Amino acid sequence: AAGDPTATATLRLWLGQLGQVAGDVALLTLATGGVYLGGGILPGMIASVQQSDFRRRFDAKGREAPWIASVPTAVITAEDCALRGCAARLAADDR
């Protein structure tokens, strides 16, 4: 998006839509522990996520806004998070 106004506008629109959908999913699943976004291109664009309408659209849930505001959001940056999860599950099964 650097230097291209159309790409920048598209990225801002996409991040806003992502925030809206992520907020909807958080409400549907009562994600009190948070919403964690990982994989794909997001880990390389954390600054763009922070500067976008992602969180404003995530929080825009009408009468549910006070509750959704308490739900944290984060971008997963660990490249091996899936393997860590598998290892934790295997360790738990060994108990």
N, C-alpha and C. Protein backbone atom coordinates (compact mmCIF):
# COMPACT_ATOMS: atom_id res chain seq x y z
N ALA A 1 0.82 -1.20 0.00
CA ALA A 1 0.00 0.00 0.00
C ALA A 1 0.85 1.26 0.00
N ALA A 2 2.15 1.11 0.23
CA ALA A 2 3.03 2.29 0.31
C ALA A 2 3.00 3.10 -0.98
N GLY A 3 2.49 4.31 -0.88
CA GLY A 3 2.49 5.21 -2.02
C GLY A 3 1.36 5.03 -3.01
N ASP A 4 0.54 4.03 -2.84
CA ASP A 4 -0.56 3.79 -3.78
C ASP A 4 -1.87 4.08 -3.06
N PRO A 5 -2.54 5.18 -3.39
CA PRO A 5 -3.76 5.56 -2.69
C PRO A 5 -4.88 4.52 -2.79
N THR A 6 -5.00 3.85 -3.92
CA THR A 6 -6.04 2.84 -4.07
C THR A 6 -5.74 1.64 -3.18
N ALA A 7 -4.50 1.21 -3.15
CA ALA A 7 -4.12 0.09 -2.29
C ALA A 7 -4.30 0.45 -0.82
N THR A 8 -3.94 1.67 -0.46
CA THR A 8 -4.10 2.11 0.93
C THR A 8 -5.56 2.12 1.33
N ALA A 9 -6.43 2.63 0.47
CA ALA A 9 -7.87 2.66 0.75
C ALA A 9 -8.43 1.25 0.85
N THR A 10 -7.97 0.36 -0.01
CA THR A 10 -8.43 -1.03 0.00
C THR A 10 -8.02 -1.71 1.30
N LEU A 11 -6.79 -1.50 1.72
CA LEU A 11 -6.29 -2.08 2.96
C LEU A 11 -7.09 -1.58 4.16
N ARG A 12 -7.36 -0.27 4.21
CA ARG A 12 -8.14 0.29 5.31
C ARG A 12 -9.56 -0.30 5.33
N LEU A 13 -10.16 -0.44 4.17
CA LEU A 13 -11.50 -1.03 4.08
C LEU A 13 -11.47 -2.47 4.57
N TRP A 14 -10.50 -3.25 4.11
CA TRP A 14 -10.39 -4.66 4.49
C TRP A 14 -10.18 -4.81 5.99
N LEU A 15 -9.31 -4.00 6.58
CA LEU A 15 -9.07 -4.09 8.02
C LEU A 15 -10.31 -3.69 8.82
N GLY A 16 -11.07 -2.71 8.33
CA GLY A 16 -12.32 -2.35 8.99
C GLY A 16 -13.32 -3.49 8.95
N GLN A 17 -13.44 -4.13 7.80
CA GLN A 17 -14.35 -5.27 7.67
C GLN A 17 -13.90 -6.43 8.55
N LEU A 18 -12.60 -6.66 8.61
CA LEU A 18 -12.06 -7.71 9.48
C LEU A 18 -12.43 -7.44 10.93
N GLY A 19 -12.33 -6.19 11.36
CA GLY A 19 -12.71 -5.83 12.72
C GLY A 19 -14.18 -6.07 12.99
N GLN A 20 -15.02 -5.74 12.03
CA GLN A 20 -16.46 -5.96 12.19
C GLN A 20 -16.78 -7.44 12.33
N VAL A 21 -16.22 -8.25 11.45
CA VAL A 21 -16.48 -9.69 11.49
C VAL A 21 -15.89 -10.32 12.75
N ALA A 22 -14.68 -9.91 13.12
CA ALA A 22 -14.07 -10.45 14.34
C ALA A 22 -14.90 -10.10 15.57
N GLY A 23 -15.48 -8.91 15.61
CA GLY A 23 -16.36 -8.53 16.72
C GLY A 23 -17.63 -9.37 16.73
N ASP A 24 -18.17 -9.63 15.54
CA ASP A 24 -19.36 -10.48 15.46
C ASP A 24 -19.06 -11.89 15.98
N VAL A 25 -17.91 -12.43 15.59
CA VAL A 25 -17.54 -13.77 16.04
C VAL A 25 -17.31 -13.78 17.55
N ALA A 26 -16.70 -12.72 18.06
CA ALA A 26 -16.48 -12.62 19.51
C ALA A 26 -17.81 -12.65 20.26
N LEU A 27 -18.81 -11.96 19.74
CA LEU A 27 -20.14 -11.98 20.36
C LEU A 27 -20.78 -13.35 20.25
N LEU A 28 -20.70 -13.96 19.09
CA LEU A 28 -21.31 -15.27 18.88
C LEU A 28 -20.72 -16.35 19.79
N THR A 29 -19.43 -16.25 20.05
CA THR A 29 -18.76 -17.29 20.82
C THR A 29 -18.49 -16.88 22.26
N LEU A 30 -18.91 -15.66 22.63
CA LEU A 30 -18.64 -15.12 23.96
C LEU A 30 -17.16 -15.26 24.30
N ALA A 31 -16.33 -14.70 23.44
CA ALA A 31 -14.88 -14.84 23.52
C ALA A 31 -14.29 -13.96 24.63
N THR A 32 -14.58 -14.32 25.87
CA THR A 32 -14.12 -13.50 26.99
C THR A 32 -12.61 -13.50 27.14
N GLY A 33 -11.94 -14.54 26.65
CA GLY A 33 -10.49 -14.61 26.74
C GLY A 33 -9.76 -13.81 25.68
N GLY A 34 -10.49 -13.34 24.70
CA GLY A 34 -9.88 -12.53 23.66
C GLY A 34 -10.03 -13.12 22.27
N VAL A 35 -9.70 -12.31 21.29
CA VAL A 35 -9.69 -12.70 19.89
C VAL A 35 -8.26 -12.56 19.41
N TYR A 36 -7.70 -13.66 18.93
CA TYR A 36 -6.31 -13.70 18.49
C TYR A 36 -6.28 -13.97 16.99
N LEU A 37 -5.67 -13.07 16.25
CA LEU A 37 -5.60 -13.17 14.80
C LEU A 37 -4.21 -13.65 14.42
N GLY A 38 -4.14 -14.69 13.61
CA GLY A 38 -2.83 -15.21 13.25
C GLY A 38 -2.76 -15.70 11.83
N GLY A 39 -1.55 -15.96 11.41
CA GLY A 39 -1.31 -16.50 10.09
C GLY A 39 -1.45 -15.47 9.00
N GLY A 40 -1.19 -15.88 7.81
CA GLY A 40 -1.35 -15.01 6.66
C GLY A 40 -0.49 -13.77 6.72
N ILE A 41 -1.07 -12.64 6.34
CA ILE A 41 -0.31 -11.40 6.21
C ILE A 41 -0.35 -10.51 7.44
N LEU A 42 -1.25 -10.77 8.37
CA LEU A 42 -1.42 -9.86 9.52
C LEU A 42 -0.17 -9.65 10.37
N PRO A 43 0.61 -10.68 10.68
CA PRO A 43 1.78 -10.45 11.52
C PRO A 43 2.77 -9.43 10.93
N GLY A 44 2.79 -9.29 9.63
CA GLY A 44 3.69 -8.34 8.98
C GLY A 44 3.11 -6.95 8.84
N MET A 45 1.91 -6.73 9.33
CA MET A 45 1.27 -5.42 9.16
C MET A 45 0.60 -4.93 10.44
N ILE A 46 1.24 -5.17 11.57
CA ILE A 46 0.65 -4.79 12.85
C ILE A 46 0.41 -3.28 12.93
N ALA A 47 1.34 -2.49 12.43
CA ALA A 47 1.16 -1.03 12.47
C ALA A 47 -0.08 -0.62 11.68
N SER A 48 -0.32 -1.24 10.55
CA SER A 48 -1.51 -0.93 9.75
C SER A 48 -2.78 -1.29 10.50
N VAL A 49 -2.77 -2.43 11.19
CA VAL A 49 -3.94 -2.84 11.98
C VAL A 49 -4.20 -1.81 13.08
N GLN A 50 -3.15 -1.39 13.76
CA GLN A 50 -3.30 -0.44 14.87
C GLN A 50 -3.79 0.92 14.39
N GLN A 51 -3.44 1.32 13.18
CA GLN A 51 -3.84 2.63 12.65
C GLN A 51 -5.18 2.59 11.92
N SER A 52 -5.74 1.42 11.77
CA SER A 52 -6.98 1.26 11.00
C SER A 52 -8.21 1.39 11.90
N ASP A 53 -9.36 1.17 11.29
CA ASP A 53 -10.63 1.17 12.01
C ASP A 53 -10.96 -0.20 12.60
N PHE A 54 -9.99 -1.11 12.62
CA PHE A 54 -10.24 -2.47 13.09
C PHE A 54 -10.93 -2.46 14.46
N ARG A 55 -10.32 -1.83 15.44
CA ARG A 55 -10.87 -1.91 16.80
C ARG A 55 -12.17 -1.12 16.93
N ARG A 56 -12.27 0.01 16.25
CA ARG A 56 -13.52 0.78 16.30
C ARG A 56 -14.67 -0.04 15.75
N ARG A 57 -14.43 -0.74 14.65
CA ARG A 57 -15.48 -1.57 14.05
C ARG A 57 -15.72 -2.83 14.89
N PHE A 58 -14.68 -3.35 15.52
CA PHE A 58 -14.82 -4.49 16.43
C PHE A 58 -15.76 -4.13 17.57
N ASP A 59 -15.60 -2.93 18.12
CA ASP A 59 -16.37 -2.48 19.28
C ASP A 59 -17.77 -1.98 18.95
N ALA A 60 -18.06 -1.68 17.69
CA ALA A 60 -19.33 -1.07 17.30
C ALA A 60 -20.43 -2.13 17.27
N LYS A 61 -20.92 -2.48 18.46
CA LYS A 61 -21.91 -3.55 18.57
C LYS A 61 -23.15 -3.09 19.33
N GLY A 62 -23.53 -1.84 19.17
CA GLY A 62 -24.77 -1.35 19.78
C GLY A 62 -24.81 -1.56 21.27
N ARG A 63 -25.88 -2.15 21.75
CA ARG A 63 -26.05 -2.32 23.20
C ARG A 63 -25.05 -3.30 23.79
N GLU A 64 -24.37 -4.07 22.96
CA GLU A 64 -23.33 -4.99 23.44
C GLU A 64 -21.95 -4.33 23.50
N ALA A 65 -21.87 -3.06 23.12
CA ALA A 65 -20.58 -2.35 23.08
C ALA A 65 -19.84 -2.36 24.42
N PRO A 66 -20.51 -2.16 25.55
CA PRO A 66 -19.75 -2.21 26.82
C PRO A 66 -19.09 -3.56 27.07
N TRP A 67 -19.77 -4.64 26.71
CA TRP A 67 -19.18 -5.96 26.92
C TRP A 67 -18.03 -6.20 25.94
N ILE A 68 -18.26 -5.92 24.67
CA ILE A 68 -17.24 -6.21 23.65
C ILE A 68 -15.99 -5.36 23.86
N ALA A 69 -16.14 -4.20 24.47
CA ALA A 69 -14.97 -3.34 24.73
C ALA A 69 -14.00 -4.01 25.70
N SER A 70 -14.49 -4.97 26.50
CA SER A 70 -13.61 -5.65 27.45
C SER A 70 -12.89 -6.85 26.84
N VAL A 71 -13.21 -7.19 25.61
CA VAL A 71 -12.59 -8.34 24.94
C VAL A 71 -11.30 -7.88 24.27
N PRO A 72 -10.16 -8.44 24.70
CA PRO A 72 -8.90 -8.03 24.07
C PRO A 72 -8.74 -8.62 22.68
N THR A 73 -7.97 -7.93 21.86
CA THR A 73 -7.62 -8.44 20.54
C THR A 73 -6.10 -8.39 20.40
N ALA A 74 -5.56 -9.35 19.67
CA ALA A 74 -4.11 -9.39 19.46
C ALA A 74 -3.79 -10.10 18.16
N VAL A 75 -2.66 -9.72 17.58
CA VAL A 75 -2.14 -10.42 16.40
C VAL A 75 -1.05 -11.37 16.89
N ILE A 76 -1.16 -12.62 16.52
CA ILE A 76 -0.17 -13.62 16.88
C ILE A 76 1.05 -13.44 15.97
N THR A 77 2.22 -13.27 16.57
CA THR A 77 3.43 -13.07 15.78
C THR A 77 4.36 -14.27 15.79
N ALA A 78 4.14 -15.22 16.68
CA ALA A 78 4.99 -16.41 16.73
C ALA A 78 4.78 -17.25 15.47
N GLU A 79 5.86 -17.61 14.82
CA GLU A 79 5.75 -18.38 13.58
C GLU A 79 5.41 -19.85 13.85
N ASP A 80 5.68 -20.32 15.05
CA ASP A 80 5.45 -21.73 15.36
C ASP A 80 4.30 -21.94 16.34
N CYS A 81 3.32 -21.04 16.33
CA CYS A 81 2.24 -21.13 17.32
C CYS A 81 1.41 -22.40 17.15
N ALA A 82 1.23 -22.87 15.93
CA ALA A 82 0.46 -24.11 15.74
C ALA A 82 1.20 -25.29 16.35
N LEU A 83 2.50 -25.33 16.17
CA LEU A 83 3.28 -26.42 16.76
C LEU A 83 3.28 -26.34 18.29
N ARG A 84 3.34 -25.14 18.82
CA ARG A 84 3.27 -24.97 20.28
C ARG A 84 1.94 -25.49 20.82
N GLY A 85 0.87 -25.19 20.11
CA GLY A 85 -0.44 -25.68 20.54
C GLY A 85 -0.54 -27.19 20.49
N CYS A 86 -0.01 -27.77 19.44
CA CYS A 86 0.00 -29.24 19.33
C CYS A 86 0.82 -29.86 20.45
N ALA A 87 1.97 -29.27 20.75
CA ALA A 87 2.84 -29.80 21.82
C ALA A 87 2.13 -29.69 23.16
N ALA A 88 1.44 -28.59 23.40
CA ALA A 88 0.73 -28.42 24.67
C ALA A 88 -0.38 -29.44 24.79
N ARG A 89 -1.07 -29.70 23.69
CA ARG A 89 -2.16 -30.68 23.71
C ARG A 89 -1.61 -32.09 23.98
N LEU A 90 -0.52 -32.44 23.34
CA LEU A 90 0.10 -33.74 23.55
C LEU A 90 0.58 -33.88 24.99
N ALA A 91 1.16 -32.82 25.54
CA ALA A 91 1.61 -32.85 26.93
C ALA A 91 0.43 -33.03 27.88
N ALA A 92 -0.69 -32.41 27.57
CA ALA A 92 -1.88 -32.54 28.42
C ALA A 92 -2.44 -33.95 28.34
N ASP A 93 -2.37 -34.57 27.18
CA ASP A 93 -2.86 -35.95 27.02
C ASP A 93 -2.01 -36.96 27.77
N ASP A 94 -0.74 -36.63 27.99
CA ASP A 94 0.16 -37.54 28.69
C ASP A 94 -0.08 -37.58 30.19
N ARG A 95 -0.83 -36.65 30.70
CA ARG A 95 -1.06 -36.58 32.15
C ARG A 95 -1.95 -37.64 32.64
